Amino acid sequence: MQHFTEDEVLKLLPMRACVDQMRLAFEELLAGRPVNQPRRRLILKTGSVLHQMAGSYRNYFATKIYSSNLKHGGLHQMFVLLYDAETAKPLAFMEANNLSIIRTGAATGYAADLLADPQADVMAVIGSGYQARTQVDAVRSVRPIKEVRVWSRTPENARRFAEQIGGRAMESAEAAVRGVPIVVTITTSKDPVFEADWIAPGAFVTGAGSNVATRRELPADLLTRAGLVVVDNLEQAKIEAGDLLIPNHWDGVVELKDVAKNYVPGRITVFKSIGIGVEDAAAAAYVFEQSQKK
């Protein structure tokens, strides 16, 4: 069984390739071939949590395991175990923090490629933590982005992140998102981070920061304004997508696998990203196969 370090995963999984893997994964889901197991959480009285999710993809299946404790550093190391689907033989053990943040960004990139204005050259990012960079990288890989506007609750963090990506730190969330054609939220906020009327007609909005039923980044009235609301997996969204669970907004919600490439001018589109096991399996399979070519 091969072991992959974080650095090795990073070298073998470039963003554009991972966006392509997300496309292939959702095409497979549309065909009904993969199996996805929603995230499960073992919660201890100490505040420690064990998170586990799994999925299959083509000739493989995989599980991801990680732990967290908000009192002791938050999220800890992620690991992915990749197996051969035919024989159940273990193939790879991967350190998977990089894999996870790349595939989370890539899911946004794939959805944006389907549904955002093809000419969009400005994006806004709310949040400046460790997952924000790959969100920007993914959107830049599918759209001709010339300007990235950044806002977070800690101005110094926003300024530092904006400098790292060649973006511009904004003085408010409103200044960041108002009139912008692509908006991404990647925060740990429990409450909406912007107001719906700041979002322009025709905008594409991704909420990628929360996969907890009691947290949301997106305002409820944005969902009612949107002409299309998309999730990566409906079964899992009904367990952990607080952005939809809290306002109980499910009418017309569709899965990403069922969405064709179709930008509609004037239509607000929302992608609620929670991250699913099939995405992890597809990304891990790519890393493994690339390693076999060397």
C-alpha atoms as a PDB file:
ATOM      1  CA  MET A   1       0.000   0.000   0.000  1.00  0.00           C
ATOM      2  CA  GLN A   2       1.407   3.377  -1.003  1.00  0.00           C
ATOM      3  CA  HIS A   3       1.756   6.263   1.398  1.00  0.00           C
ATOM      4  CA  PHE A   4       1.299   9.828   0.120  1.00  0.00           C
ATOM      5  CA  THR A   5       2.441  12.842   2.118  1.00  0.00           C
ATOM      6  CA  GLU A   6       0.762  16.237   1.937  1.00  0.00           C
ATOM      7  CA  ASP A   7       3.542  17.519  -0.326  1.00  0.00           C
ATOM      8  CA  GLU A   8       3.176  14.576  -2.698  1.00  0.00           C
ATOM      9  CA  VAL A   9      -0.593  15.063  -2.950  1.00  0.00           C
ATOM     10  CA  LEU A  10      -0.072  18.760  -3.651  1.00  0.00           C
ATOM     11  CA  LYS A  11       2.306  17.989  -6.530  1.00  0.00           C
ATOM     12  CA  LEU A  12       0.055  15.335  -8.054  1.00  0.00           C
ATOM     13  CA  LEU A  13      -3.272  17.190  -7.821  1.00  0.00           C
ATOM     14  CA  PRO A  14      -3.157  20.538  -9.677  1.00  0.00           C
ATOM     15  CA  MET A  15      -6.337  22.583  -9.497  1.00  0.00           C
ATOM     16  CA  ARG A  16      -7.330  22.402 -13.163  1.00  0.00           C
ATOM     17  CA  ALA A  17      -6.972  18.617 -13.104  1.00  0.00           C
ATOM     18  CA  CYS A  18      -9.096  18.417  -9.968  1.00  0.00           C
ATOM     19  CA  VAL A  19     -11.826  20.560 -11.557  1.00  0.00           C
ATOM     20  CA  ASP A  20     -11.831  18.083 -14.431  1.00  0.00           C
ATOM     21  CA  GLN A  21     -12.085  15.210 -11.930  1.00  0.00           C
ATOM     22  CA  MET A  22     -15.131  16.845 -10.337  1.00  0.00           C
ATOM     23  CA  ARG A  23     -16.743  17.027 -13.775  1.00  0.00           C
ATOM     24  CA  LEU A  24     -16.077  13.328 -14.327  1.00  0.00           C
ATOM     25  CA  ALA A  25     -17.315  12.453 -10.832  1.00  0.00           C
ATOM     26  CA  PHE A  26     -20.631  14.232 -11.334  1.00  0.00           C
ATOM     27  CA  GLU A  27     -21.026  12.696 -14.784  1.00  0.00           C
ATOM     28  CA  GLU A  28     -20.574   9.316 -13.091  1.00  0.00           C
ATOM     29  CA  LEU A  29     -23.165  10.264 -10.470  1.00  0.00           C
ATOM     30  CA  LEU A  30     -25.604  11.216 -13.210  1.00  0.00           C
ATOM     31  CA  ALA A  31     -25.087   7.781 -14.728  1.00  0.00           C
ATOM     32  CA  GLY A  32     -25.902   6.215 -11.359  1.00  0.00           C
ATOM     33  CA  ARG A  33     -22.636   4.353 -10.863  1.00  0.00           C
ATOM     34  CA  PRO A  34     -20.952   5.783  -7.721  1.00  0.00           C
ATOM     35  CA  VAL A  35     -22.127   5.230  -4.154  1.00  0.00           C
ATOM     36  CA  ASN A  36     -21.932   8.124  -1.684  1.00  0.00           C
ATOM     37  CA  GLN A  37     -22.027   7.733   2.088  1.00  0.00           C
ATOM     38  CA  PRO A  38     -22.917  10.984   3.887  1.00  0.00           C
ATOM     39  CA  ARG A  39     -20.563  12.275   6.562  1.00  0.00           C
ATOM     40  CA  ARG A  40     -20.974  10.714   9.991  1.00  0.00           C
ATOM     41  CA  ARG A  41     -19.797  12.265  13.242  1.00  0.00           C
ATOM     42  CA  LEU A  42     -18.871  10.599  16.532  1.00  0.00           C
ATOM     43  CA  ILE A  43     -19.197  13.341  19.151  1.00  0.00           C
ATOM     44  CA  LEU A  44     -17.608  12.973  22.599  1.00  0.00           C
ATOM     45  CA  LYS A  45     -18.366  14.866  25.811  1.00  0.00           C
ATOM     46  CA  THR A  46     -14.831  16.260  25.686  1.00  0.00           C
ATOM     47  CA  GLY A  47     -15.728  18.192  22.538  1.00  0.00           C
ATOM     48  CA  SER A  48     -13.659  15.897  20.343  1.00  0.00           C
ATOM     49  CA  VAL A  49     -15.339  14.772  17.123  1.00  0.00           C
ATOM     50  CA  LEU A  50     -14.462  11.980  14.706  1.00  0.00           C
ATOM     51  CA  HIS A  51     -15.696  12.689  11.162  1.00  0.00           C
ATOM     52  CA  GLN A  52     -15.997   9.956   8.515  1.00  0.00           C
ATOM     53  CA  MET A  53     -17.318   9.936   4.945  1.00  0.00           C
ATOM     54  CA  ALA A  54     -16.970   7.569   2.026  1.00  0.00           C
ATOM     55  CA  GLY A  55     -17.689   7.159  -1.670  1.00  0.00           C
ATOM     56  CA  SER A  56     -16.898   5.128  -4.738  1.00  0.00           C
ATOM     57  CA  TYR A  57     -15.615   6.293  -8.111  1.00  0.00           C
ATOM     58  CA  ARG A  58     -14.997   4.074 -11.131  1.00  0.00           C
ATOM     59  CA  ASN A  59     -12.490   1.363 -10.108  1.00  0.00           C
ATOM     60  CA  TYR A  60     -12.052   2.676  -6.583  1.00  0.00           C
ATOM     61  CA  PHE A  61     -13.699   3.397  -3.285  1.00  0.00           C
ATOM     62  CA  ALA A  62     -12.382   5.563  -0.480  1.00  0.00           C
ATOM     63  CA  THR A  63     -13.053   6.768   3.006  1.00  0.00           C
ATOM     64  CA  LYS A  64     -11.892   9.986   4.665  1.00  0.00           C
ATOM     65  CA  ILE A  65     -11.384  10.229   8.407  1.00  0.00           C
ATOM     66  CA  TYR A  66     -10.464  13.275  10.455  1.00  0.00           C
ATOM     67  CA  SER A  67     -10.859  14.678  13.952  1.00  0.00           C
ATOM     68  CA  SER A  68     -11.576  18.046  15.497  1.00  0.00           C
ATOM     69  CA  ASN A  69     -11.846  19.762  18.847  1.00  0.00           C
ATOM     70  CA  LEU A  70     -12.569  23.480  18.920  1.00  0.00           C
ATOM     71  CA  LYS A  71     -10.881  23.816  22.334  1.00  0.00           C
ATOM     72  CA  HIS A  72      -7.653  22.262  21.063  1.00  0.00           C
ATOM     73  CA  GLY A  73      -6.851  23.753  17.686  1.00  0.00           C
ATOM     74  CA  GLY A  74     -10.032  23.004  15.762  1.00  0.00           C
ATOM     75  CA  LEU A  75      -9.609  20.692  12.770  1.00  0.00           C
ATOM     76  CA  HIS A  76      -6.780  18.158  12.845  1.00  0.00           C
ATOM     77  CA  GLN A  77      -5.128  15.962  10.225  1.00  0.00           C
ATOM     78  CA  MET A  78      -7.295  14.385   7.527  1.00  0.00           C
ATOM     79  CA  PHE A  79      -6.561  10.973   6.037  1.00  0.00           C
ATOM     80  CA  VAL A  80      -7.950   9.198   2.976  1.00  0.00           C
ATOM     81  CA  LEU A  81      -7.791   5.433   2.457  1.00  0.00           C
ATOM     82  CA  LEU A  82      -8.172   4.346  -1.181  1.00  0.00           C
ATOM     83  CA  TYR A  83      -9.201   0.802  -2.173  1.00  0.00           C
ATOM     84  CA  ASP A  84      -9.630  -1.246  -5.332  1.00  0.00           C
ATOM     85  CA  ALA A  85     -13.366  -1.604  -6.002  1.00  0.00           C
ATOM     86  CA  GLU A  86     -13.129  -5.091  -7.500  1.00  0.00           C
ATOM     87  CA  THR A  87     -10.944  -6.794  -4.904  1.00  0.00           C
ATOM     88  CA  ALA A  88     -11.256  -4.459  -1.888  1.00  0.00           C
ATOM     89  CA  LYS A  89      -7.441  -4.408  -1.773  1.00  0.00           C
ATOM     90  CA  PRO A  90      -6.086  -1.300  -0.018  1.00  0.00           C
ATOM     91  CA  LEU A  91      -4.103   0.801  -2.489  1.00  0.00           C
ATOM     92  CA  ALA A  92      -3.119   4.013  -0.766  1.00  0.00           C
ATOM     93  CA  PHE A  93      -2.983   5.879   2.533  1.00  0.00           C
ATOM     94  CA  MET A  94      -3.001   9.630   1.933  1.00  0.00           C
ATOM     95  CA  GLU A  95      -2.454  12.600   4.166  1.00  0.00           C
ATOM     96  CA  ALA A  96      -5.438  14.543   2.944  1.00  0.00           C
ATOM     97  CA  ASN A  97      -5.623  18.126   4.172  1.00  0.00           C
ATOM     98  CA  ASN A  98      -4.393  19.372   0.794  1.00  0.00           C
ATOM     99  CA  LEU A  99      -6.579  16.903  -1.084  1.00  0.00           C
ATOM    100  CA  SER A 100      -9.634  18.156   0.807  1.00  0.00           C
ATOM    101  CA  ILE A 101      -9.094  21.856   0.282  1.00  0.00           C
ATOM    102  CA  ILE A 102      -8.212  21.368  -3.390  1.00  0.00           C
ATOM    103  CA  ARG A 103     -11.309  19.268  -4.103  1.00  0.00           C
ATOM    104  CA  THR A 104     -13.506  21.724  -2.154  1.00  0.00           C
ATOM    105  CA  GLY A 105     -12.238  24.521  -4.357  1.00  0.00           C
ATOM    106  CA  ALA A 106     -12.543  22.349  -7.449  1.00  0.00           C
ATOM    107  CA  ALA A 107     -16.222  21.645  -6.738  1.00  0.00           C
ATOM    108  CA  THR A 108     -16.836  25.409  -6.718  1.00  0.00           C
ATOM    109  CA  GLY A 109     -14.805  25.740  -9.907  1.00  0.00           C
ATOM    110  CA  TYR A 110     -16.807  23.041 -11.654  1.00  0.00           C
ATOM    111  CA  ALA A 111     -20.135  24.560 -10.590  1.00  0.00           C
ATOM    112  CA  ALA A 112     -18.963  28.023 -11.649  1.00  0.00           C
ATOM    113  CA  ASP A 113     -17.895  26.671 -15.030  1.00  0.00           C
ATOM    114  CA  LEU A 114     -21.423  25.364 -15.541  1.00  0.00           C
ATOM    115  CA  LEU A 115     -23.430  28.265 -14.187  1.00  0.00           C
ATOM    116  CA  ALA A 116     -21.452  31.523 -13.874  1.00  0.00           C
ATOM    117  CA  ASP A 117     -21.271  34.245 -16.512  1.00  0.00           C
ATOM    118  CA  PRO A 118     -18.570  33.120 -18.979  1.00  0.00           C
ATOM    119  CA  GLN A 119     -17.296  36.713 -19.141  1.00  0.00           C
ATOM    120  CA  ALA A 120     -17.148  37.253 -15.362  1.00  0.00           C
ATOM    121  CA  ASP A 121     -13.839  38.899 -14.505  1.00  0.00           C
ATOM    122  CA  VAL A 122     -14.456  39.963 -10.886  1.00  0.00           C
ATOM    123  CA  MET A 123     -15.066  37.712  -7.888  1.00  0.00           C
ATOM    124  CA  ALA A 124     -15.581  38.320  -4.193  1.00  0.00           C
ATOM    125  CA  VAL A 125     -14.404  36.074  -1.374  1.00  0.00           C
ATOM    126  CA  ILE A 126     -15.852  36.351   2.114  1.00  0.00           C
ATOM    127  CA  GLY A 127     -13.367  34.656   4.416  1.00  0.00           C
ATOM    128  CA  SER A 128      -9.578  34.493   4.396  1.00  0.00           C
ATOM    129  CA  GLY A 129      -8.779  31.217   6.133  1.00  0.00           C
ATOM    130  CA  TYR A 130      -6.853  28.186   4.901  1.00  0.00           C
ATOM    131  CA  GLN A 131      -9.554  27.134   2.407  1.00  0.00           C
ATOM    132  CA  ALA A 132      -9.979  30.519   0.741  1.00  0.00           C
ATOM    133  CA  ARG A 133      -6.942  30.229  -1.548  1.00  0.00           C
ATOM    134  CA  THR A 134      -8.183  27.164  -3.397  1.00  0.00           C
ATOM    135  CA  GLN A 135     -11.596  28.739  -3.912  1.00  0.00           C
ATOM    136  CA  VAL A 136      -9.883  31.603  -5.734  1.00  0.00           C
ATOM    137  CA  ASP A 137      -7.578  29.269  -7.647  1.00  0.00           C
ATOM    138  CA  ALA A 138     -10.525  27.173  -8.823  1.00  0.00           C
ATOM    139  CA  VAL A 139     -12.592  30.095 -10.086  1.00  0.00           C
ATOM    140  CA  ARG A 140      -9.520  31.574 -11.775  1.00  0.00           C
ATOM    141  CA  SER A 141      -9.048  28.257 -13.584  1.00  0.00           C
ATOM    142  CA  VAL A 142     -12.475  28.503 -15.274  1.00  0.00           C
ATOM    143  CA  ARG A 143     -13.130  32.242 -15.611  1.00  0.00           C
ATOM    144  CA  PRO A 144     -11.012  35.246 -16.788  1.00  0.00           C
ATOM    145  CA  ILE A 145     -10.788  36.790 -13.316  1.00  0.00           C
ATOM    146  CA  LYS A 146      -8.959  40.116 -13.236  1.00  0.00           C
ATOM    147  CA  GLU A 147      -9.987  41.329  -9.770  1.00  0.00           C
ATOM    148  CA  VAL A 148     -10.554  39.472  -6.485  1.00  0.00           C
ATOM    149  CA  ARG A 149     -12.228  41.369  -3.670  1.00  0.00           C
ATOM    150  CA  VAL A 150     -11.639  40.022  -0.152  1.00  0.00           C
ATOM    151  CA  TRP A 151     -13.393  40.666   3.130  1.00  0.00           C
ATOM    152  CA  SER A 152     -13.240  38.930   6.486  1.00  0.00           C
ATOM    153  CA  ARG A 153     -14.135  39.830  10.035  1.00  0.00           C
ATOM    154  CA  THR A 154     -10.426  40.356  10.830  1.00  0.00           C
ATOM    155  CA  PRO A 155      -9.159  43.155   8.569  1.00  0.00           C
ATOM    156  CA  GLU A 156      -5.491  42.219   8.974  1.00  0.00           C
ATOM    157  CA  ASN A 157      -6.218  38.669   7.804  1.00  0.00           C
ATOM    158  CA  ALA A 158      -8.098  40.018   4.802  1.00  0.00           C
ATOM    159  CA  ARG A 159      -5.226  42.331   3.882  1.00  0.00           C
ATOM    160  CA  ARG A 160      -2.653  39.549   4.225  1.00  0.00           C
ATOM    161  CA  PHE A 161      -4.680  37.123   2.127  1.00  0.00           C
ATOM    162  CA  ALA A 162      -5.412  39.766  -0.524  1.00  0.00           C
ATOM    163  CA  GLU A 163      -1.675  40.434  -0.858  1.00  0.00           C
ATOM    164  CA  GLN A 164      -0.949  36.713  -1.239  1.00  0.00           C
ATOM    165  CA  ILE A 165      -3.398  36.267  -4.116  1.00  0.00           C
ATOM    166  CA  GLY A 166      -2.981  39.649  -5.791  1.00  0.00           C
ATOM    167  CA  GLY A 167      -6.445  40.731  -4.680  1.00  0.00           C
ATOM    168  CA  ARG A 168      -7.915  43.739  -2.915  1.00  0.00           C
ATOM    169  CA  ALA A 169      -9.047  43.863   0.710  1.00  0.00           C
ATOM    170  CA  MET A 170     -12.366  45.656   1.089  1.00  0.00           C
ATOM    171  CA  GLU A 171     -13.637  47.729   3.991  1.00  0.00           C
ATOM    172  CA  SER A 172     -16.944  45.862   4.266  1.00  0.00           C
ATOM    173  CA  ALA A 173     -18.745  42.756   3.093  1.00  0.00           C
ATOM    174  CA  GLU A 174     -21.095  44.967   1.112  1.00  0.00           C
ATOM    175  CA  ALA A 175     -18.222  46.646  -0.718  1.00  0.00           C
ATOM    176  CA  ALA A 176     -16.830  43.215  -1.546  1.00  0.00           C
ATOM    177  CA  VAL A 177     -19.955  41.560  -2.954  1.00  0.00           C
ATOM    178  CA  ARG A 178     -22.233  44.312  -4.258  1.00  0.00           C
ATOM    179  CA  GLY A 179     -22.623  43.980  -8.018  1.00  0.00           C
ATOM    180  CA  VAL A 180     -19.989  41.223  -8.336  1.00  0.00           C
ATOM    181  CA  PRO A 181     -20.793  38.353 -10.754  1.00  0.00           C
ATOM    182  CA  ILE A 182     -19.138  35.577  -8.683  1.00  0.00           C
ATOM    183  CA  VAL A 183     -19.315  35.474  -4.871  1.00  0.00           C
ATOM    184  CA  VAL A 184     -17.800  32.788  -2.647  1.00  0.00           C
ATOM    185  CA  THR A 185     -18.253  32.482   1.110  1.00  0.00           C
ATOM    186  CA  ILE A 186     -15.762  30.292   2.960  1.00  0.00           C
ATOM    187  CA  THR A 187     -16.189  31.112   6.654  1.00  0.00           C
ATOM    188  CA  THR A 188     -17.076  29.450   9.960  1.00  0.00           C
ATOM    189  CA  SER A 189     -19.844  31.959  10.630  1.00  0.00           C
ATOM    190  CA  LYS A 190     -23.040  30.839  12.333  1.00  0.00           C
ATOM    191  CA  ASP A 191     -25.010  33.660  10.709  1.00  0.00           C
ATOM    192  CA  PRO A 192     -25.300  35.081   7.162  1.00  0.00           C
ATOM    193  CA  VAL A 193     -22.254  37.079   6.118  1.00  0.00           C
ATOM    194  CA  PHE A 194     -23.951  39.388   3.590  1.00  0.00           C
ATOM    195  CA  GLU A 195     -27.398  40.678   2.651  1.00  0.00           C
ATOM    196  CA  ALA A 196     -29.355  39.317  -0.294  1.00  0.00           C
ATOM    197  CA  ASP A 197     -29.999  42.679  -1.916  1.00  0.00           C
ATOM    198  CA  TRP A 198     -26.241  43.196  -2.349  1.00  0.00           C
ATOM    199  CA  ILE A 199     -26.165  40.340  -4.868  1.00  0.00           C
ATOM    200  CA  ALA A 200     -26.487  41.391  -8.504  1.00  0.00           C
ATOM    201  CA  PRO A 201     -28.921  39.797 -10.968  1.00  0.00           C
ATOM    202  CA  GLY A 202     -27.112  37.035 -12.836  1.00  0.00           C
ATOM    203  CA  ALA A 203     -24.598  36.401 -10.040  1.00  0.00           C
ATOM    204  CA  PHE A 204     -23.251  32.980  -9.130  1.00  0.00           C
ATOM    205  CA  VAL A 205     -22.902  32.454  -5.361  1.00  0.00           C
ATOM    206  CA  THR A 206     -21.174  29.567  -3.601  1.00  0.00           C
ATOM    207  CA  GLY A 207     -21.590  28.901   0.110  1.00  0.00           C
ATOM    208  CA  ALA A 208     -18.690  26.555   0.885  1.00  0.00           C
ATOM    209  CA  GLY A 209     -17.756  27.239   4.495  1.00  0.00           C
ATOM    210  CA  SER A 210     -20.308  25.289   6.513  1.00  0.00           C
ATOM    211  CA  ASN A 211     -21.312  21.643   6.682  1.00  0.00           C
ATOM    212  CA  VAL A 212     -23.033  21.890  10.066  1.00  0.00           C
ATOM    213  CA  ALA A 213     -26.815  21.983  10.438  1.00  0.00           C
ATOM    214  CA  THR A 214     -26.758  24.873  12.925  1.00  0.00           C
ATOM    215  CA  ARG A 215     -24.557  27.231  10.852  1.00  0.00           C
ATOM    216  CA  ARG A 216     -25.219  29.223   7.706  1.00  0.00           C
ATOM    217  CA  GLU A 217     -23.418  31.833   5.628  1.00  0.00           C
ATOM    218  CA  LEU A 218     -26.183  32.654   3.133  1.00  0.00           C
ATOM    219  CA  PRO A 219     -29.286  34.745   3.912  1.00  0.00           C
ATOM    220  CA  ALA A 220     -32.643  33.013   3.520  1.00  0.00           C
ATOM    221  CA  ASP A 221     -34.011  35.669   1.176  1.00  0.00           C
ATOM    222  CA  LEU A 222     -31.154  35.027  -1.241  1.00  0.00           C
ATOM    223  CA  LEU A 223     -32.500  31.492  -1.667  1.00  0.00           C
ATOM    224  CA  THR A 224     -35.966  32.818  -2.470  1.00  0.00           C
ATOM    225  CA  ARG A 225     -34.507  35.339  -4.953  1.00  0.00           C
ATOM    226  CA  ALA A 226     -32.384  32.719  -6.656  1.00  0.00           C
ATOM    227  CA  GLY A 227     -33.633  31.172  -9.849  1.00  0.00           C
ATOM    228  CA  LEU A 228     -31.616  28.023  -9.167  1.00  0.00           C
ATOM    229  CA  VAL A 229     -30.301  26.446  -5.953  1.00  0.00           C
ATOM    230  CA  VAL A 230     -27.854  23.545  -6.328  1.00  0.00           C
ATOM    231  CA  VAL A 231     -26.285  21.122  -3.842  1.00  0.00           C
ATOM    232  CA  ASP A 232     -23.634  18.485  -4.417  1.00  0.00           C
ATOM    233  CA  ASN A 233     -25.770  15.784  -2.744  1.00  0.00           C
ATOM    234  CA  LEU A 234     -29.365  16.185  -1.570  1.00  0.00           C
ATOM    235  CA  GLU A 235     -29.335  13.369   0.995  1.00  0.00           C
ATOM    236  CA  GLN A 236     -26.282  14.788   2.729  1.00  0.00           C
ATOM    237  CA  ALA A 237     -27.509  18.376   2.412  1.00  0.00           C
ATOM    238  CA  LYS A 238     -30.634  17.441   4.389  1.00  0.00           C
ATOM    239  CA  ILE A 239     -28.365  16.350   7.230  1.00  0.00           C
ATOM    240  CA  GLU A 240     -25.798  19.157   7.387  1.00  0.00           C
ATOM    241  CA  ALA A 241     -26.541  22.122   5.078  1.00  0.00           C
ATOM    242  CA  GLY A 242     -27.601  24.710   7.616  1.00  0.00           C
ATOM    243  CA  ASP A 243     -27.965  27.303   4.853  1.00  0.00           C
ATOM    244  CA  LEU A 244     -30.969  25.299   3.653  1.00  0.00           C
ATOM    245  CA  LEU A 245     -32.044  23.550   6.861  1.00  0.00           C
ATOM    246  CA  ILE A 246     -32.446  26.669   8.997  1.00  0.00           C
ATOM    247  CA  PRO A 247     -34.854  28.438   6.583  1.00  0.00           C
ATOM    248  CA  ASN A 248     -36.255  25.013   5.526  1.00  0.00           C
ATOM    249  CA  HIS A 249     -35.729  25.867   1.875  1.00  0.00           C
ATOM    250  CA  TRP A 250     -35.926  22.760  -0.324  1.00  0.00           C
ATOM    251  CA  ASP A 251     -38.395  23.630  -3.087  1.00  0.00           C
ATOM    252  CA  GLY A 252     -36.670  23.378  -6.445  1.00  0.00           C
ATOM    253  CA  VAL A 253     -33.263  22.429  -4.994  1.00  0.00           C
ATOM    254  CA  VAL A 254     -31.374  20.218  -7.456  1.00  0.00           C
ATOM    255  CA  GLU A 255     -28.186  18.165  -7.348  1.00  0.00           C
ATOM    256  CA  LEU A 256     -25.103  19.259  -9.239  1.00  0.00           C
ATOM    257  CA  LYS A 257     -25.125  16.042 -11.265  1.00  0.00           C
ATOM    258  CA  ASP A 258     -28.453  17.072 -12.804  1.00  0.00           C
ATOM    259  CA  VAL A 259     -27.290  20.532 -13.920  1.00  0.00           C
ATOM    260  CA  ALA A 260     -26.234  21.184 -17.510  1.00  0.00           C
ATOM    261  CA  LYS A 261     -23.866  23.952 -18.576  1.00  0.00           C
ATOM    262  CA  ASN A 262     -26.226  26.896 -18.839  1.00  0.00           C
ATOM    263  CA  TYR A 263     -25.609  30.475 -17.759  1.00  0.00           C
ATOM    264  CA  VAL A 264     -28.880  32.406 -17.724  1.00  0.00           C
ATOM    265  CA  PRO A 265     -28.420  36.214 -17.741  1.00  0.00           C
ATOM    266  CA  GLY A 266     -30.263  37.823 -14.852  1.00  0.00           C
ATOM    267  CA  ARG A 267     -30.727  34.569 -12.927  1.00  0.00           C
ATOM    268  CA  ILE A 268     -29.083  34.335  -9.505  1.00  0.00           C
ATOM    269  CA  THR A 269     -27.640  30.866  -8.973  1.00  0.00           C
ATOM    270  CA  VAL A 270     -26.643  29.489  -5.574  1.00  0.00           C
ATOM    271  CA  PHE A 271     -24.377  26.471  -5.089  1.00  0.00           C
ATOM    272  CA  LYS A 272     -24.420  25.129  -1.530  1.00  0.00           C
ATOM    273  CA  SER A 273     -21.241  23.058  -1.289  1.00  0.00           C
ATOM    274  CA  ILE A 274     -20.871  20.596   1.587  1.00  0.00           C
ATOM    275  CA  GLY A 275     -18.255  18.177   0.226  1.00  0.00           C
ATOM    276  CA  ILE A 276     -19.062  14.534  -0.447  1.00  0.00           C
ATOM    277  CA  GLY A 277     -17.212  11.247  -0.357  1.00  0.00           C
ATOM    278  CA  VAL A 278     -17.436  10.691  -4.100  1.00  0.00           C
ATOM    279  CA  GLU A 279     -15.446  13.901  -4.617  1.00  0.00           C
ATOM    280  CA  ASP A 280     -12.740  12.634  -2.252  1.00  0.00           C
ATOM    281  CA  ALA A 281     -12.653   9.262  -4.024  1.00  0.00           C
ATOM    282  CA  ALA A 282     -12.286  10.909  -7.446  1.00  0.00           C
ATOM    283  CA  ALA A 283      -9.476  13.194  -6.255  1.00  0.00           C
ATOM    284  CA  ALA A 284      -7.664  10.356  -4.489  1.00  0.00           C
ATOM    285  CA  ALA A 285      -8.001   8.112  -7.544  1.00  0.00           C
ATOM    286  CA  TYR A 286      -6.382  10.798  -9.688  1.00  0.00           C
ATOM    287  CA  VAL A 287      -3.469  11.177  -7.255  1.00  0.00           C
ATOM    288  CA  PHE A 288      -2.938   7.416  -7.194  1.00  0.00           C
ATOM    289  CA  GLU A 289      -3.108   7.026 -10.979  1.00  0.00           C
ATOM    290  CA  GLN A 290      -0.711   9.922 -11.553  1.00  0.00           C
ATOM    291  CA  SER A 291       1.773   8.289  -9.198  1.00  0.00           C
ATOM    292  CA  GLN A 292       1.646   5.091 -11.264  1.00  0.00           C
ATOM    293  CA  LYS A 293       2.804   6.990 -14.358  1.00  0.00           C
ATOM    294  CA  LYS A 294       6.087   8.011 -12.790  1.00  0.00           C
END
